[in-house]
Amino acid sequence: MLGRYKKIIEAKLRGLAKAAAVSGVSPNALTLSGLLIGLAGLYPLYAYGCVPCFLLAAALMAFMDMLDGLVARYTGKASKFGAFLDSTVDRAEDAVLVAALMLSNVLTPAEALTLLTGMFLISYARARAEGLGLHMSGVGLAERPERLLLILVALAAYPVSFEAARIIALGLLGIVYLTVAQRIAYAWRMLR
């Protein structure tokens, strides 16, 4: 759903991507630095319960995730390895986001593990289907931008209302498994 706004966001970031490219910043360095920022944001959340600290780190992590591909395309450094690294780091960033839900007690460890498993299944279903020649982008309610947004909204709601944060996180859990089912059903229809 939010994927349709990707081109609009990329157009707004094009100038910044050009500046980063001119300064010699590597797209892979942006990818990895986004993950490191997200991981660093977990510490104040764990040690001090500082949800705003993590939200800032998560926003920067998401920003780097958008910027790395733009810089790669602008510099002509887009590569198969870069795409592989980006997808792999995206899974690690998913784990960081779910860890934040667990560390803030919005989700229990079992719920967090169940959510993370579902998020990985969504990504795996797409990768496997695309490996079989099937286009899977846009299939399902909870693609990565929607999942990221709902996790950030749940965390932002936490200081105001723990109950609202839990409802959003548990709603995401349901939507994630609905998305897995949607992708399996789509693959079944298209591949049989």
C-alpha atoms as a PDB file:
ATOM      1  CA  MET A   1       0.000   0.000   0.000  1.00  0.00           C
ATOM      2  CA  LEU A   2       2.659   2.545   1.005  1.00  0.00           C
ATOM      3  CA  GLY A   3       4.896   1.295  -1.804  1.00  0.00           C
ATOM      4  CA  ARG A   4       2.978   3.528  -4.222  1.00  0.00           C
ATOM      5  CA  TYR A   5       4.503   6.574  -2.484  1.00  0.00           C
ATOM      6  CA  LYS A   6       8.053   5.309  -2.985  1.00  0.00           C
ATOM      7  CA  LYS A   7       8.675   7.368  -6.124  1.00  0.00           C
ATOM      8  CA  ILE A   8       7.392  10.549  -4.430  1.00  0.00           C
ATOM      9  CA  ILE A   9       9.703  10.026  -1.434  1.00  0.00           C
ATOM     10  CA  GLU A  10      12.638   9.191  -3.698  1.00  0.00           C
ATOM     11  CA  ALA A  11      12.055  12.399  -5.695  1.00  0.00           C
ATOM     12  CA  LYS A  12      12.242  14.421  -2.464  1.00  0.00           C
ATOM     13  CA  LEU A  13      15.495  12.702  -1.462  1.00  0.00           C
ATOM     14  CA  ARG A  14      17.188  12.911  -4.854  1.00  0.00           C
ATOM     15  CA  GLY A  15      19.147  16.081  -4.000  1.00  0.00           C
ATOM     16  CA  LEU A  16      20.438  14.586  -0.768  1.00  0.00           C
ATOM     17  CA  ALA A  17      21.376  11.370  -2.582  1.00  0.00           C
ATOM     18  CA  LYS A  18      23.336  13.384  -5.149  1.00  0.00           C
ATOM     19  CA  ALA A  19      25.153  15.250  -2.376  1.00  0.00           C
ATOM     20  CA  ALA A  20      26.008  11.978  -0.623  1.00  0.00           C
ATOM     21  CA  ALA A  21      27.209  10.481  -3.893  1.00  0.00           C
ATOM     22  CA  VAL A  22      29.393  13.507  -4.699  1.00  0.00           C
ATOM     23  CA  SER A  23      30.953  13.313  -1.231  1.00  0.00           C
ATOM     24  CA  GLY A  24      31.991   9.730  -1.979  1.00  0.00           C
ATOM     25  CA  VAL A  25      29.713   7.929   0.496  1.00  0.00           C
ATOM     26  CA  SER A  26      29.388   4.265  -0.416  1.00  0.00           C
ATOM     27  CA  PRO A  27      25.833   2.865  -0.720  1.00  0.00           C
ATOM     28  CA  ASN A  28      26.933  -0.216   1.238  1.00  0.00           C
ATOM     29  CA  ALA A  29      28.301   2.024   3.993  1.00  0.00           C
ATOM     30  CA  LEU A  30      24.899   3.729   4.224  1.00  0.00           C
ATOM     31  CA  THR A  31      23.207   0.326   4.429  1.00  0.00           C
ATOM     32  CA  LEU A  32      25.442  -0.862   7.257  1.00  0.00           C
ATOM     33  CA  SER A  33      25.425   2.449   9.129  1.00  0.00           C
ATOM     34  CA  GLY A  34      21.626   2.387   9.218  1.00  0.00           C
ATOM     35  CA  LEU A  35      21.737  -0.983  10.960  1.00  0.00           C
ATOM     36  CA  LEU A  36      24.386   0.225  13.418  1.00  0.00           C
ATOM     37  CA  ILE A  37      22.286   3.281  14.273  1.00  0.00           C
ATOM     38  CA  GLY A  38      19.265   1.052  14.934  1.00  0.00           C
ATOM     39  CA  LEU A  39      21.299  -1.273  17.128  1.00  0.00           C
ATOM     40  CA  ALA A  40      22.723   1.699  19.038  1.00  0.00           C
ATOM     41  CA  GLY A  41      19.173   2.938  19.632  1.00  0.00           C
ATOM     42  CA  LEU A  42      18.326  -0.273  21.483  1.00  0.00           C
ATOM     43  CA  TYR A  43      20.749   0.546  24.312  1.00  0.00           C
ATOM     44  CA  PRO A  44      18.965   3.613  25.736  1.00  0.00           C
ATOM     45  CA  LEU A  45      15.666   1.780  25.321  1.00  0.00           C
ATOM     46  CA  TYR A  46      16.962  -1.210  27.273  1.00  0.00           C
ATOM     47  CA  ALA A  47      19.002   0.676  29.882  1.00  0.00           C
ATOM     48  CA  TYR A  48      16.761   3.681  30.522  1.00  0.00           C
ATOM     49  CA  GLY A  49      13.418   2.911  28.895  1.00  0.00           C
ATOM     50  CA  CYS A  50      13.983   5.845  26.536  1.00  0.00           C
ATOM     51  CA  VAL A  51      11.437   5.181  23.790  1.00  0.00           C
ATOM     52  CA  PRO A  52      12.030   8.575  22.078  1.00  0.00           C
ATOM     53  CA  CYS A  53      15.751   7.727  21.834  1.00  0.00           C
ATOM     54  CA  PHE A  54      14.928   4.528  19.979  1.00  0.00           C
ATOM     55  CA  LEU A  55      12.330   6.249  17.776  1.00  0.00           C
ATOM     56  CA  LEU A  56      14.968   8.755  16.670  1.00  0.00           C
ATOM     57  CA  ALA A  57      17.427   5.940  15.916  1.00  0.00           C
ATOM     58  CA  ALA A  58      14.736   3.960  14.060  1.00  0.00           C
ATOM     59  CA  ALA A  59      13.808   6.997  11.968  1.00  0.00           C
ATOM     60  CA  LEU A  60      17.475   7.473  11.033  1.00  0.00           C
ATOM     61  CA  MET A  61      17.756   3.751  10.269  1.00  0.00           C
ATOM     62  CA  ALA A  62      14.751   3.964   7.929  1.00  0.00           C
ATOM     63  CA  PHE A  63      16.148   7.113   6.316  1.00  0.00           C
ATOM     64  CA  MET A  64      19.475   5.387   5.576  1.00  0.00           C
ATOM     65  CA  ASP A  65      17.548   2.445   4.151  1.00  0.00           C
ATOM     66  CA  MET A  66      15.810   4.763   1.667  1.00  0.00           C
ATOM     67  CA  LEU A  67      18.964   6.685   0.836  1.00  0.00           C
ATOM     68  CA  ASP A  68      21.313   3.773   0.103  1.00  0.00           C
ATOM     69  CA  GLY A  69      19.496   2.602  -3.011  1.00  0.00           C
ATOM     70  CA  LEU A  70      19.210   6.126  -4.372  1.00  0.00           C
ATOM     71  CA  VAL A  71      22.943   6.711  -3.911  1.00  0.00           C
ATOM     72  CA  ALA A  72      23.706   3.372  -5.573  1.00  0.00           C
ATOM     73  CA  ARG A  73      21.609   4.258  -8.607  1.00  0.00           C
ATOM     74  CA  TYR A  74      22.911   7.834  -8.815  1.00  0.00           C
ATOM     75  CA  THR A  75      26.557   6.769  -8.691  1.00  0.00           C
ATOM     76  CA  GLY A  76      26.053   3.783 -10.960  1.00  0.00           C
ATOM     77  CA  LYS A  77      27.240   1.540  -8.121  1.00  0.00           C
ATOM     78  CA  ALA A  78      24.054  -0.524  -7.979  1.00  0.00           C
ATOM     79  CA  SER A  79      25.182  -4.136  -7.879  1.00  0.00           C
ATOM     80  CA  LYS A  80      23.851  -7.602  -7.216  1.00  0.00           C
ATOM     81  CA  PHE A  81      25.912  -7.764  -4.038  1.00  0.00           C
ATOM     82  CA  GLY A  82      24.556  -4.391  -2.925  1.00  0.00           C
ATOM     83  CA  ALA A  83      20.999  -5.632  -3.454  1.00  0.00           C
ATOM     84  CA  PHE A  84      21.820  -8.808  -1.521  1.00  0.00           C
ATOM     85  CA  LEU A  85      23.431  -6.851   1.320  1.00  0.00           C
ATOM     86  CA  ASP A  86      20.475  -4.452   1.485  1.00  0.00           C
ATOM     87  CA  SER A  87      17.936  -7.293   1.720  1.00  0.00           C
ATOM     88  CA  THR A  88      20.008  -9.091   4.338  1.00  0.00           C
ATOM     89  CA  VAL A  89      20.432  -5.961   6.443  1.00  0.00           C
ATOM     90  CA  ASP A  90      16.690  -5.283   6.102  1.00  0.00           C
ATOM     91  CA  ARG A  91      16.032  -8.568   7.933  1.00  0.00           C
ATOM     92  CA  ALA A  92      18.450  -7.571  10.712  1.00  0.00           C
ATOM     93  CA  GLU A  93      16.699  -4.193  10.960  1.00  0.00           C
ATOM     94  CA  ASP A  94      13.357  -6.001  11.237  1.00  0.00           C
ATOM     95  CA  ALA A  95      14.812  -7.877  14.212  1.00  0.00           C
ATOM     96  CA  VAL A  96      15.947  -4.579  15.778  1.00  0.00           C
ATOM     97  CA  LEU A  97      12.422  -3.160  15.469  1.00  0.00           C
ATOM     98  CA  VAL A  98      10.792  -6.238  16.979  1.00  0.00           C
ATOM     99  CA  ALA A  99      13.389  -6.274  19.759  1.00  0.00           C
ATOM    100  CA  ALA A 100      12.314  -2.720  20.592  1.00  0.00           C
ATOM    101  CA  LEU A 101       8.707  -3.880  20.965  1.00  0.00           C
ATOM    102  CA  MET A 102       9.892  -6.612  23.324  1.00  0.00           C
ATOM    103  CA  LEU A 103      12.302  -4.423  25.311  1.00  0.00           C
ATOM    104  CA  SER A 104       9.549  -1.868  25.885  1.00  0.00           C
ATOM    105  CA  ASN A 105       7.244  -4.711  27.042  1.00  0.00           C
ATOM    106  CA  VAL A 106       4.717  -3.912  24.319  1.00  0.00           C
ATOM    107  CA  LEU A 107       5.094  -7.554  23.233  1.00  0.00           C
ATOM    108  CA  THR A 108       6.066 -10.562  25.302  1.00  0.00           C
ATOM    109  CA  PRO A 109       9.123 -12.507  24.105  1.00  0.00           C
ATOM    110  CA  ALA A 110       6.854 -15.205  22.640  1.00  0.00           C
ATOM    111  CA  GLU A 111       4.754 -12.617  20.802  1.00  0.00           C
ATOM    112  CA  ALA A 112       7.886 -10.866  19.532  1.00  0.00           C
ATOM    113  CA  LEU A 113       9.313 -14.149  18.237  1.00  0.00           C
ATOM    114  CA  THR A 114       6.015 -14.952  16.535  1.00  0.00           C
ATOM    115  CA  LEU A 115       5.944 -11.499  14.908  1.00  0.00           C
ATOM    116  CA  LEU A 116       9.550 -11.734  13.743  1.00  0.00           C
ATOM    117  CA  THR A 117       8.943 -15.194  12.290  1.00  0.00           C
ATOM    118  CA  GLY A 118       5.966 -13.879  10.333  1.00  0.00           C
ATOM    119  CA  MET A 119       7.963 -10.911   9.062  1.00  0.00           C
ATOM    120  CA  PHE A 120      10.715 -13.247   7.892  1.00  0.00           C
ATOM    121  CA  LEU A 121       8.122 -15.490   6.204  1.00  0.00           C
ATOM    122  CA  ILE A 122       6.747 -12.511   4.253  1.00  0.00           C
ATOM    123  CA  SER A 123      10.231 -11.701   2.971  1.00  0.00           C
ATOM    124  CA  TYR A 124      11.075 -15.334   2.280  1.00  0.00           C
ATOM    125  CA  ALA A 125       7.832 -15.858   0.340  1.00  0.00           C
ATOM    126  CA  ARG A 126       8.693 -12.917  -1.896  1.00  0.00           C
ATOM    127  CA  ALA A 127      12.311 -14.000  -2.415  1.00  0.00           C
ATOM    128  CA  ARG A 128      11.336 -17.598  -3.202  1.00  0.00           C
ATOM    129  CA  ALA A 129       8.504 -16.596  -5.530  1.00  0.00           C
ATOM    130  CA  GLU A 130      10.740 -14.148  -7.370  1.00  0.00           C
ATOM    131  CA  GLY A 131      13.358 -16.914  -7.645  1.00  0.00           C
ATOM    132  CA  LEU A 132      10.675 -18.885  -9.481  1.00  0.00           C
ATOM    133  CA  GLY A 133      10.024 -15.964 -11.820  1.00  0.00           C
ATOM    134  CA  LEU A 134       6.922 -14.601 -10.088  1.00  0.00           C
ATOM    135  CA  HIS A 135       6.570 -10.854  -9.386  1.00  0.00           C
ATOM    136  CA  MET A 136       5.472 -10.524  -5.729  1.00  0.00           C
ATOM    137  CA  SER A 137       5.859  -6.796  -5.019  1.00  0.00           C
ATOM    138  CA  GLY A 138       2.585  -5.262  -3.865  1.00  0.00           C
ATOM    139  CA  VAL A 139       1.068  -8.578  -2.773  1.00  0.00           C
ATOM    140  CA  GLY A 140      -0.335  -8.518   0.756  1.00  0.00           C
ATOM    141  CA  LEU A 141      -1.392  -5.918   3.290  1.00  0.00           C
ATOM    142  CA  ALA A 142       1.819  -5.636   5.297  1.00  0.00           C
ATOM    143  CA  GLU A 143       4.791  -5.016   3.059  1.00  0.00           C
ATOM    144  CA  ARG A 144       7.915  -3.647   4.713  1.00  0.00           C
ATOM    145  CA  PRO A 145       6.894   0.047   4.780  1.00  0.00           C
ATOM    146  CA  GLU A 146       3.575  -0.796   6.456  1.00  0.00           C
ATOM    147  CA  ARG A 147       5.272  -3.009   9.029  1.00  0.00           C
ATOM    148  CA  LEU A 148       7.866  -0.351   9.810  1.00  0.00           C
ATOM    149  CA  LEU A 149       5.209   2.336  10.159  1.00  0.00           C
ATOM    150  CA  LEU A 150       3.004   0.244  12.474  1.00  0.00           C
ATOM    151  CA  ILE A 151       5.939  -0.650  14.720  1.00  0.00           C
ATOM    152  CA  LEU A 152       6.966   2.998  14.979  1.00  0.00           C
ATOM    153  CA  VAL A 153       3.364   4.059  15.677  1.00  0.00           C
ATOM    154  CA  ALA A 154       3.075   1.398  18.397  1.00  0.00           C
ATOM    155  CA  LEU A 155       6.292   2.619  20.011  1.00  0.00           C
ATOM    156  CA  ALA A 156       5.245   6.262  19.706  1.00  0.00           C
ATOM    157  CA  ALA A 157       1.915   5.411  21.364  1.00  0.00           C
ATOM    158  CA  TYR A 158       3.638   3.582  24.230  1.00  0.00           C
ATOM    159  CA  PRO A 159       4.451   6.630  26.424  1.00  0.00           C
ATOM    160  CA  VAL A 160       0.862   7.853  26.034  1.00  0.00           C
ATOM    161  CA  SER A 161      -1.039   4.571  26.270  1.00  0.00           C
ATOM    162  CA  PHE A 162       0.493   1.158  26.826  1.00  0.00           C
ATOM    163  CA  GLU A 163      -2.841  -0.445  25.889  1.00  0.00           C
ATOM    164  CA  ALA A 164      -2.960   1.387  22.544  1.00  0.00           C
ATOM    165  CA  ALA A 165       0.630   0.351  21.805  1.00  0.00           C
ATOM    166  CA  ARG A 166      -0.255  -3.285  22.523  1.00  0.00           C
ATOM    167  CA  ILE A 167      -3.373  -3.175  20.369  1.00  0.00           C
ATOM    168  CA  ILE A 168      -1.367  -1.773  17.441  1.00  0.00           C
ATOM    169  CA  ALA A 169       1.414  -4.360  17.887  1.00  0.00           C
ATOM    170  CA  LEU A 170      -1.011  -7.268  18.196  1.00  0.00           C
ATOM    171  CA  GLY A 171      -2.940  -5.951  15.197  1.00  0.00           C
ATOM    172  CA  LEU A 172       0.329  -5.952  13.265  1.00  0.00           C
ATOM    173  CA  LEU A 173       0.908  -9.540  14.345  1.00  0.00           C
ATOM    174  CA  GLY A 174      -2.430 -10.544  12.817  1.00  0.00           C
ATOM    175  CA  ILE A 175      -1.853  -8.537   9.639  1.00  0.00           C
ATOM    176  CA  VAL A 176       1.588 -10.094   9.196  1.00  0.00           C
ATOM    177  CA  TYR A 177       0.196 -13.620   9.130  1.00  0.00           C
ATOM    178  CA  LEU A 178      -2.642 -12.507   6.860  1.00  0.00           C
ATOM    179  CA  THR A 179       0.041 -11.208   4.483  1.00  0.00           C
ATOM    180  CA  VAL A 180       1.873 -14.547   4.613  1.00  0.00           C
ATOM    181  CA  ALA A 181      -1.397 -16.278   3.687  1.00  0.00           C
ATOM    182  CA  GLN A 182      -2.043 -13.760   0.890  1.00  0.00           C
ATOM    183  CA  ARG A 183       1.389 -14.378  -0.599  1.00  0.00           C
ATOM    184  CA  ILE A 184       1.021 -18.157  -0.401  1.00  0.00           C
ATOM    185  CA  ALA A 185      -2.425 -17.948  -2.033  1.00  0.00           C
ATOM    186  CA  TYR A 186      -1.086 -15.671  -4.763  1.00  0.00           C
ATOM    187  CA  ALA A 187       1.841 -17.989  -5.477  1.00  0.00           C
ATOM    188  CA  TRP A 188      -0.506 -20.998  -5.549  1.00  0.00           C
ATOM    189  CA  ARG A 189      -2.780 -19.294  -8.106  1.00  0.00           C
ATOM    190  CA  MET A 190       0.078 -18.113 -10.303  1.00  0.00           C
ATOM    191  CA  LEU A 191       2.335 -21.193 -10.183  1.00  0.00           C
ATOM    192  CA  ARG A 192      -0.062 -24.102 -10.489  1.00  0.00           C
END
